[in-house]
C-alpha atoms as a PDB file:
ATOM      1  CA  MET A   1      62.562 184.872  80.300  1.00  0.00           C
ATOM      2  CA  VAL A   2      60.049 187.183  82.056  1.00  0.00           C
ATOM      3  CA  ASP A   3      59.830 190.994  80.366  1.00  0.00           C
ATOM      4  CA  ALA A   4      58.977 194.539  82.101  1.00  0.00           C
ATOM      5  CA  ARG A   5      56.230 196.772  81.720  1.00  0.00           C
ATOM      6  CA  LEU A   6      56.321 200.340  81.362  1.00  0.00           C
ATOM      7  CA  PRO A   7      52.774 201.247  81.161  1.00  0.00           C
ATOM      8  CA  ALA A   8      51.986 203.487  78.536  1.00  0.00           C
ATOM      9  CA  GLU A   9      49.799 206.117  80.764  1.00  0.00           C
ATOM     10  CA  TRP A  10      53.491 206.890  82.752  1.00  0.00           C
ATOM     11  CA  LEU A  11      54.326 208.985  79.985  1.00  0.00           C
ATOM     12  CA  GLY A  12      52.514 212.538  80.770  1.00  0.00           C
ATOM     13  CA  SER A  13      52.403 211.094  84.242  1.00  0.00           C
ATOM     14  CA  ILE A  14      53.319 214.009  86.408  1.00  0.00           C
ATOM     15  CA  ARG A  15      54.615 211.101  89.440  1.00  0.00           C
ATOM     16  CA  ILE A  16      56.694 210.180  86.904  1.00  0.00           C
ATOM     17  CA  ASP A  17      58.038 212.946  84.885  1.00  0.00           C
ATOM     18  CA  ASN A  18      59.036 214.084  88.581  1.00  0.00           C
ATOM     19  CA  LEU A  19      61.471 211.306  89.173  1.00  0.00           C
ATOM     20  CA  SER A  20      65.036 212.128  88.076  1.00  0.00           C
ATOM     21  CA  ASP A  21      66.820 210.224  85.452  1.00  0.00           C
ATOM     22  CA  ARG A  22      68.800 208.032  87.975  1.00  0.00           C
ATOM     23  CA  ALA A  23      66.176 207.584  90.186  1.00  0.00           C
ATOM     24  CA  PHE A  24      63.888 206.387  86.522  1.00  0.00           C
ATOM     25  CA  ARG A  25      66.237 203.852  85.805  1.00  0.00           C
ATOM     26  CA  VAL A  26      67.272 202.838  89.615  1.00  0.00           C
ATOM     27  CA  LEU A  27      62.970 202.516  89.244  1.00  0.00           C
ATOM     28  CA  ALA A  28      63.292 200.500  85.696  1.00  0.00           C
ATOM     29  CA  GLY A  29      65.819 197.820  86.877  1.00  0.00           C
ATOM     30  CA  ALA A  30      63.765 197.075  90.304  1.00  0.00           C
ATOM     31  CA  LEU A  31      61.350 196.264  87.898  1.00  0.00           C
ATOM     32  CA  MET A  32      63.301 194.053  85.541  1.00  0.00           C
ATOM     33  CA  TRP A  33      64.999 192.488  88.681  1.00  0.00           C
ATOM     34  CA  CYS A  34      62.206 191.697  90.271  1.00  0.00           C
ATOM     35  CA  ASN A  35      60.670 190.421  87.268  1.00  0.00           C
ATOM     36  CA  GLY A  36      63.326 188.137  86.136  1.00  0.00           C
ATOM     37  CA  GLN A  37      63.668 186.893  89.815  1.00  0.00           C
ATOM     38  CA  GLY A  38      59.914 186.352  90.461  1.00  0.00           C
ATOM     39  CA  THR A  39      59.974 188.308  93.868  1.00  0.00           C
ATOM     40  CA  ASP A  40      56.756 190.754  93.196  1.00  0.00           C
ATOM     41  CA  GLY A  41      58.308 193.787  94.159  1.00  0.00           C
ATOM     42  CA  GLN A  42      60.358 192.528  96.480  1.00  0.00           C
ATOM     43  CA  VAL A  43      64.833 193.896  96.378  1.00  0.00           C
ATOM     44  CA  PRO A  44      66.489 192.607  98.900  1.00  0.00           C
ATOM     45  CA  SER A  45      69.223 195.033 100.486  1.00  0.00           C
ATOM     46  CA  ARG A  46      72.396 193.276  98.846  1.00  0.00           C
ATOM     47  CA  TYR A  47      70.646 193.377  95.237  1.00  0.00           C
ATOM     48  CA  THR A  48      70.043 197.093  95.215  1.00  0.00           C
ATOM     49  CA  LYS A  49      73.738 197.479  94.091  1.00  0.00           C
ATOM     50  CA  TYR A  50      72.539 195.384  90.634  1.00  0.00           C
ATOM     51  CA  LEU A  51      70.036 198.526  89.773  1.00  0.00           C
ATOM     52  CA  HIS A  52      71.935 201.286  88.761  1.00  0.00           C
ATOM     53  CA  PRO A  53      75.300 200.413  86.555  1.00  0.00           C
ATOM     54  CA  ASP A  54      77.328 203.055  89.315  1.00  0.00           C
ATOM     55  CA  GLY A  55      75.968 201.198  91.548  1.00  0.00           C
ATOM     56  CA  ASP A  56      73.741 201.800  94.958  1.00  0.00           C
ATOM     57  CA  ASP A  57      72.711 205.543  94.661  1.00  0.00           C
ATOM     58  CA  ALA A  58      71.084 206.429  98.477  1.00  0.00           C
ATOM     59  CA  ASP A  59      69.279 209.798  96.461  1.00  0.00           C
ATOM     60  CA  ALA A  60      67.537 207.756  93.924  1.00  0.00           C
ATOM     61  CA  PHE A  61      66.208 205.125  96.872  1.00  0.00           C
ATOM     62  CA  ASP A  62      65.005 207.966  98.763  1.00  0.00           C
ATOM     63  CA  GLU A  63      63.238 209.841  95.894  1.00  0.00           C
ATOM     64  CA  LEU A  64      61.389 206.728  94.647  1.00  0.00           C
ATOM     65  CA  GLU A  65      60.251 206.005  98.252  1.00  0.00           C
ATOM     66  CA  ARG A  66      58.754 210.250  98.500  1.00  0.00           C
ATOM     67  CA  ALA A  67      57.370 209.727  94.967  1.00  0.00           C
ATOM     68  CA  GLY A  68      55.750 206.565  96.504  1.00  0.00           C
ATOM     69  CA  LEU A  69      56.877 203.478  94.597  1.00  0.00           C
ATOM     70  CA  TRP A  70      58.444 201.773  97.074  1.00  0.00           C
ATOM     71  CA  VAL A  71      58.983 201.496 100.301  1.00  0.00           C
ATOM     72  CA  ARG A  72      61.781 200.358 102.679  1.00  0.00           C
ATOM     73  CA  ASP A  73      60.889 197.319 104.225  1.00  0.00           C
ATOM     74  CA  THR A  74      63.553 194.936 106.902  1.00  0.00           C
ATOM     75  CA  ASP A  75      65.433 193.394 104.472  1.00  0.00           C
ATOM     76  CA  GLY A  76      65.256 196.016 101.583  1.00  0.00           C
ATOM     77  CA  PHE A  77      63.074 197.619  98.778  1.00  0.00           C
ATOM     78  CA  ARG A  78      59.294 196.737  98.183  1.00  0.00           C
ATOM     79  CA  LEU A  79      57.249 198.214  95.075  1.00  0.00           C
ATOM     80  CA  VAL A  80      54.522 199.714  95.547  1.00  0.00           C
ATOM     81  CA  GLY A  81      51.249 198.080  93.903  1.00  0.00           C
ATOM     82  CA  TRP A  82      53.194 195.242  91.894  1.00  0.00           C
ATOM     83  CA  SER A  83      50.188 194.270  90.036  1.00  0.00           C
ATOM     84  CA  THR A  84      48.100 197.132  89.823  1.00  0.00           C
ATOM     85  CA  ASP A  85      49.848 200.219  90.056  1.00  0.00           C
ATOM     86  CA  LEU A  86      52.981 199.489  88.244  1.00  0.00           C
ATOM     87  CA  ARG A  87      51.143 196.273  85.672  1.00  0.00           C
ATOM     88  CA  GLN A  88      53.558 193.534  86.072  1.00  0.00           C
ATOM     89  CA  SER A  89      52.585 189.878  86.261  1.00  0.00           C
ATOM     90  CA  THR A  90      52.748 187.727  89.876  1.00  0.00           C
ATOM     91  CA  ALA A  91      55.658 185.026  90.023  1.00  0.00           C
ATOM     92  CA  GLU A  92      52.317 182.922  90.440  1.00  0.00           C
ATOM     93  CA  GLU A  93      50.895 184.339  87.111  1.00  0.00           C
ATOM     94  CA  VAL A  94      53.721 183.325  85.190  1.00  0.00           C
ATOM     95  CA  SER A  95      54.414 179.786  86.882  1.00  0.00           C
ATOM     96  CA  ARG A  96      50.804 179.151  85.914  1.00  0.00           C
ATOM     97  CA  TYR A  97      51.700 180.597  81.590  1.00  0.00           C
ATOM     98  CA  ARG A  98      54.876 178.384  81.973  1.00  0.00           C
ATOM     99  CA  GLU A  99      52.836 175.259  82.745  1.00  0.00           C
ATOM    100  CA  GLY A 100      50.203 176.168  80.073  1.00  0.00           C
ATOM    101  CA  ALA A 101      52.614 176.639  77.805  1.00  0.00           C
ATOM    102  CA  ARG A 102      54.744 173.206  78.642  1.00  0.00           C
ATOM    103  CA  ARG A 103      51.276 171.597  78.554  1.00  0.00           C
ATOM    104  CA  ARG A 104      50.418 173.060  75.054  1.00  0.00           C
ATOM    105  CA  GLN A 105      53.677 171.823  73.759  1.00  0.00           C
ATOM    106  CA  LYS A 106      53.664 168.866  74.814  1.00  0.00           C
ATOM    107  CA  GLU A 107      50.138 168.074  73.605  1.00  0.00           C
ATOM    108  CA  TYR A 108      51.259 169.387  70.462  1.00  0.00           C
ATOM    109  CA  ARG A 109      54.247 166.977  70.061  1.00  0.00           C
ATOM    110  CA  ASP A 110      51.994 164.036  71.260  1.00  0.00           C
ATOM    111  CA  ARG A 111      49.961 165.051  68.200  1.00  0.00           C
ATOM    112  CA  GLN A 112      52.630 165.191  65.987  1.00  0.00           C
ATOM    113  CA  ARG A 113      54.391 161.973  66.826  1.00  0.00           C
ATOM    114  CA  ASP A 114      50.728 160.278  66.797  1.00  0.00           C
ATOM    115  CA  GLY A 115      49.995 161.107  63.325  1.00  0.00           C
ATOM    116  CA  ARG A 116      46.643 164.263  64.504  1.00  0.00           C
ATOM    117  CA  GLY A 117      49.058 166.619  63.429  1.00  0.00           C
ATOM    118  CA  VAL A 118      48.461 165.891  59.827  1.00  0.00           C
ATOM    119  CA  ASP A 119      45.421 166.297  57.751  1.00  0.00           C
ATOM    120  CA  VAL A 120      44.693 163.366  55.954  1.00  0.00           C
ATOM    121  CA  THR A 121      41.523 164.887  54.497  1.00  0.00           C
ATOM    122  CA  ASP A 122      44.030 166.378  51.967  1.00  0.00           C
ATOM    123  CA  ASP A 123      43.274 166.115  48.214  1.00  0.00           C
ATOM    124  CA  VAL A 124      46.959 164.308  47.557  1.00  0.00           C
ATOM    125  CA  THR A 125      46.503 165.069  43.507  1.00  0.00           C
ATOM    126  CA  ARG A 126      46.030 168.742  43.630  1.00  0.00           C
ATOM    127  CA  ASN A 127      49.991 168.837  45.068  1.00  0.00           C
ATOM    128  CA  VAL A 128      50.695 166.430  42.724  1.00  0.00           C
ATOM    129  CA  THR A 129      48.695 167.719  38.799  1.00  0.00           C
ATOM    130  CA  ALA A 130      49.268 171.257  40.690  1.00  0.00           C
ATOM    131  CA  HIS A 131      52.160 172.013  38.681  1.00  0.00           C
ATOM    132  CA  VAL A 132      52.705 169.192  36.153  1.00  0.00           C
ATOM    133  CA  GLY A 133      53.577 171.690  33.247  1.00  0.00           C
ATOM    134  CA  SER A 134      52.253 173.126  29.659  1.00  0.00           C
ATOM    135  CA  GLY A 135      49.647 171.448  28.094  1.00  0.00           C
ATOM    136  CA  SER A 136      48.195 169.128  30.581  1.00  0.00           C
ATOM    137  CA  SER A 137      44.520 168.179  30.208  1.00  0.00           C
ATOM    138  CA  HIS A 138      43.338 169.880  33.780  1.00  0.00           C
ATOM    139  CA  THR A 139      41.855 173.166  33.036  1.00  0.00           C
ATOM    140  CA  ARG A 140      43.643 176.256  34.081  1.00  0.00           C
ATOM    141  CA  THR A 141      42.115 178.492  36.682  1.00  0.00           C
ATOM    142  CA  LYS A 142      43.061 181.990  37.625  1.00  0.00           C
ATOM    143  CA  LYS A 143      42.754 183.217  41.551  1.00  0.00           C
ATOM    144  CA  SER A 144      41.360 186.055  42.533  1.00  0.00           C
ATOM    145  CA  ALA A 145      40.768 187.746  45.321  1.00  0.00           C
ATOM    146  CA  TYR A 146      37.420 187.013  45.480  1.00  0.00           C
ATOM    147  CA  ALA A 147      37.131 183.574  44.012  1.00  0.00           C
ATOM    148  CA  SER A 148      38.497 180.665  41.653  1.00  0.00           C
ATOM    149  CA  ARG A 149      37.431 181.137  38.041  1.00  0.00           C
ATOM    150  CA  ASP A 150      37.838 179.207  34.881  1.00  0.00           C
ATOM    151  CA  VAL A 151      39.843 181.914  32.488  1.00  0.00           C
ATOM    152  CA  THR A 152      38.382 180.365  29.814  1.00  0.00           C
ATOM    153  CA  ASP A 153      34.590 180.331  30.944  1.00  0.00           C
ATOM    154  CA  VAL A 154      33.714 183.504  28.481  1.00  0.00           C
ATOM    155  CA  VAL A 155      36.313 184.289  26.179  1.00  0.00           C
ATOM    156  CA  THR A 156      37.332 181.304  23.869  1.00  0.00           C
ATOM    157  CA  HIS A 157      34.151 181.353  22.200  1.00  0.00           C
ATOM    158  CA  ASN A 158      35.667 182.986  19.192  1.00  0.00           C
ATOM    159  CA  ALA A 159      39.338 183.033  19.369  1.00  0.00           C
ATOM    160  CA  ASP A 160      38.851 186.386  17.151  1.00  0.00           C
ATOM    161  CA  SER A 161      36.461 188.185  19.092  1.00  0.00           C
ATOM    162  CA  PRO A 162      38.051 191.576  21.033  1.00  0.00           C
ATOM    163  CA  PHE A 163      33.921 190.572  22.587  1.00  0.00           C
ATOM    164  CA  CYS A 164      32.961 187.499  25.154  1.00  0.00           C
ATOM    165  CA  ALA A 165      30.104 185.287  24.989  1.00  0.00           C
ATOM    166  CA  LYS A 166      27.556 187.078  26.583  1.00  0.00           C
ATOM    167  CA  HIS A 167      27.985 190.091  24.347  1.00  0.00           C
ATOM    168  CA  PRO A 168      28.985 189.418  20.815  1.00  0.00           C
ATOM    169  CA  THR A 169      28.530 192.063  18.933  1.00  0.00           C
ATOM    170  CA  GLY A 170      29.471 193.885  22.261  1.00  0.00           C
ATOM    171  CA  THR A 171      28.068 196.340  25.024  1.00  0.00           C
ATOM    172  CA  SER A 172      28.573 199.735  25.603  1.00  0.00           C
ATOM    173  CA  ASP A 173      28.582 198.080  29.596  1.00  0.00           C
ATOM    174  CA  PRO A 174      31.185 197.393  31.485  1.00  0.00           C
ATOM    175  CA  CYS A 175      31.997 193.632  31.062  1.00  0.00           C
ATOM    176  CA  GLY A 176      34.741 192.391  32.304  1.00  0.00           C
ATOM    177  CA  ALA A 177      34.660 189.285  30.064  1.00  0.00           C
ATOM    178  CA  CYS A 178      35.166 191.762  27.159  1.00  0.00           C
ATOM    179  CA  ALA A 179      38.332 193.479  28.544  1.00  0.00           C
ATOM    180  CA  ARG A 180      39.891 190.196  29.193  1.00  0.00           C
ATOM    181  CA  ALA A 181      39.142 189.234  25.183  1.00  0.00           C
ATOM    182  CA  ARG A 182      40.230 192.512  24.549  1.00  0.00           C
ATOM    183  CA  THR A 183      43.466 191.492  26.058  1.00  0.00           C
ATOM    184  CA  ALA A 184      43.621 188.254  25.241  1.00  0.00           C
ATOM    185  CA  LEU A 185      43.197 189.327  21.465  1.00  0.00           C
ATOM    186  CA  GLY A 186      45.704 191.977  21.460  1.00  0.00           C
ATOM    187  CA  ALA A 187      47.822 189.114  22.280  1.00  0.00           C
ATOM    188  CA  ARG A 188      47.791 187.080  20.227  1.00  0.00           C
ATOM    189  CA  GLU A 189      47.772 189.879  17.563  1.00  0.00           C
ATOM    190  CA  ASN A 190      50.952 190.703  18.710  1.00  0.00           C
ATOM    191  CA  ARG A 191      52.922 187.885  19.858  1.00  0.00           C
ATOM    192  CA  LEU A 192      55.964 188.040  22.118  1.00  0.00           C
ATOM    193  CA  THR A 193      59.434 187.378  20.408  1.00  0.00           C
ATOM    194  CA  ILE A 194      61.325 186.389  22.998  1.00  0.00           C
ATOM    195  CA  ARG A 195      64.800 185.580  22.088  1.00  0.00           C
ATOM    196  CA  GLY A 196      65.975 181.522  22.636  1.00  0.00           C
ATOM    197  CA  TRP A 197      62.175 180.912  23.922  1.00  0.00           C
ATOM    198  CA  ASP A 198      60.825 177.423  23.976  1.00  0.00           C
ATOM    199  CA  CYS A 199      57.905 176.959  25.123  1.00  0.00           C
ATOM    200  CA  SER A 200      58.573 172.777  25.039  1.00  0.00           C
ATOM    201  CA  ILE A 201      61.169 173.711  27.508  1.00  0.00           C
ATOM    202  CA  ASP A 202      60.586 176.820  29.074  1.00  0.00           C
ATOM    203  CA  GLY A 203      56.833 176.140  29.043  1.00  0.00           C
ATOM    204  CA  HIS A 204      53.720 178.616  28.152  1.00  0.00           C
ATOM    205  CA  LYS A 205      53.309 182.111  29.073  1.00  0.00           C
ATOM    206  CA  PHE A 206      49.344 181.842  29.060  1.00  0.00           C
ATOM    207  CA  VAL A 207      46.987 185.140  28.365  1.00  0.00           C
ATOM    208  CA  THR A 208      43.823 186.207  29.563  1.00  0.00           C
ATOM    209  CA  ASP A 209      41.724 183.186  27.702  1.00  0.00           C
ATOM    210  CA  GLY A 210      44.507 180.719  28.236  1.00  0.00           C
ATOM    211  CA  THR A 211      46.621 180.701  25.006  1.00  0.00           C
ATOM    212  CA  CYS A 212      50.133 181.225  24.600  1.00  0.00           C
ATOM    213  CA  ALA A 213      51.320 184.524  23.815  1.00  0.00           C
ATOM    214  CA  VAL A 214      54.372 183.323  22.193  1.00  0.00           C
ATOM    215  CA  CYS A 215      53.807 180.141  20.217  1.00  0.00           C
ATOM    216  CA  GLU A 216      50.057 178.934  18.850  1.00  0.00           C
ATOM    217  CA  PHE A 217      48.661 176.653  22.122  1.00  0.00           C
ATOM    218  CA  ARG A 218      45.300 176.837  22.783  1.00  0.00           C
ATOM    219  CA  PRO A 219      43.051 175.835  25.632  1.00  0.00           C
ATOM    220  CA  HIS A 220      42.625 171.750  25.372  1.00  0.00           C
ATOM    221  CA  SER A 221      44.954 171.998  22.394  1.00  0.00           C
ATOM    222  CA  SER A 222      48.224 169.300  22.774  1.00  0.00           C
ATOM    223  CA  ALA A 223      51.235 170.651  24.480  1.00  0.00           C
ATOM    224  CA  ALA A 224      53.750 172.623  22.236  1.00  0.00           C
END
């Protein structure tokens, strides 16, 4: 399927604005028909009836001719400036595009069939161990927009401290690690009470330092 274009510069164009609604519809119909048939703007007389729902419209045809948008020839009409003024793709360009698309699709299918489309360097164990469940021996990491960071690195030096390992007595400067420590401590001191929740079945609800906000689970401890 080939789409016809309506150039943005036609909005506000005197030549296009001066067309009647019927003439503009005939013009749009001609663009669509020629693109679909690959005629590069040529509309034989026997097909002009398809350019408007009401069939041939001699007045609209004359109007388009006066506007210089198409000209009469020996067998119908020819749109002027098909690939330049009207900004439409030529039949040759469409053919090259389709051939390129077919070639790329064939190459893709060949790679899939030969196994070349599979990244064999991917660490398959990553997909197996990523969600092995609560209490696994793997270090839990927190993803951010900037980096992958171990959430236990600066918080668990003291489970009851609202400060990080770098600032054991606190600091007046902004510190993200201290903020995480305070969040984790607050979560531990106000553990969630969820009716019917069982960490051994439903999994832990981890807070910033890797501990569970429901039970007594700590990083590197056994699962609940």
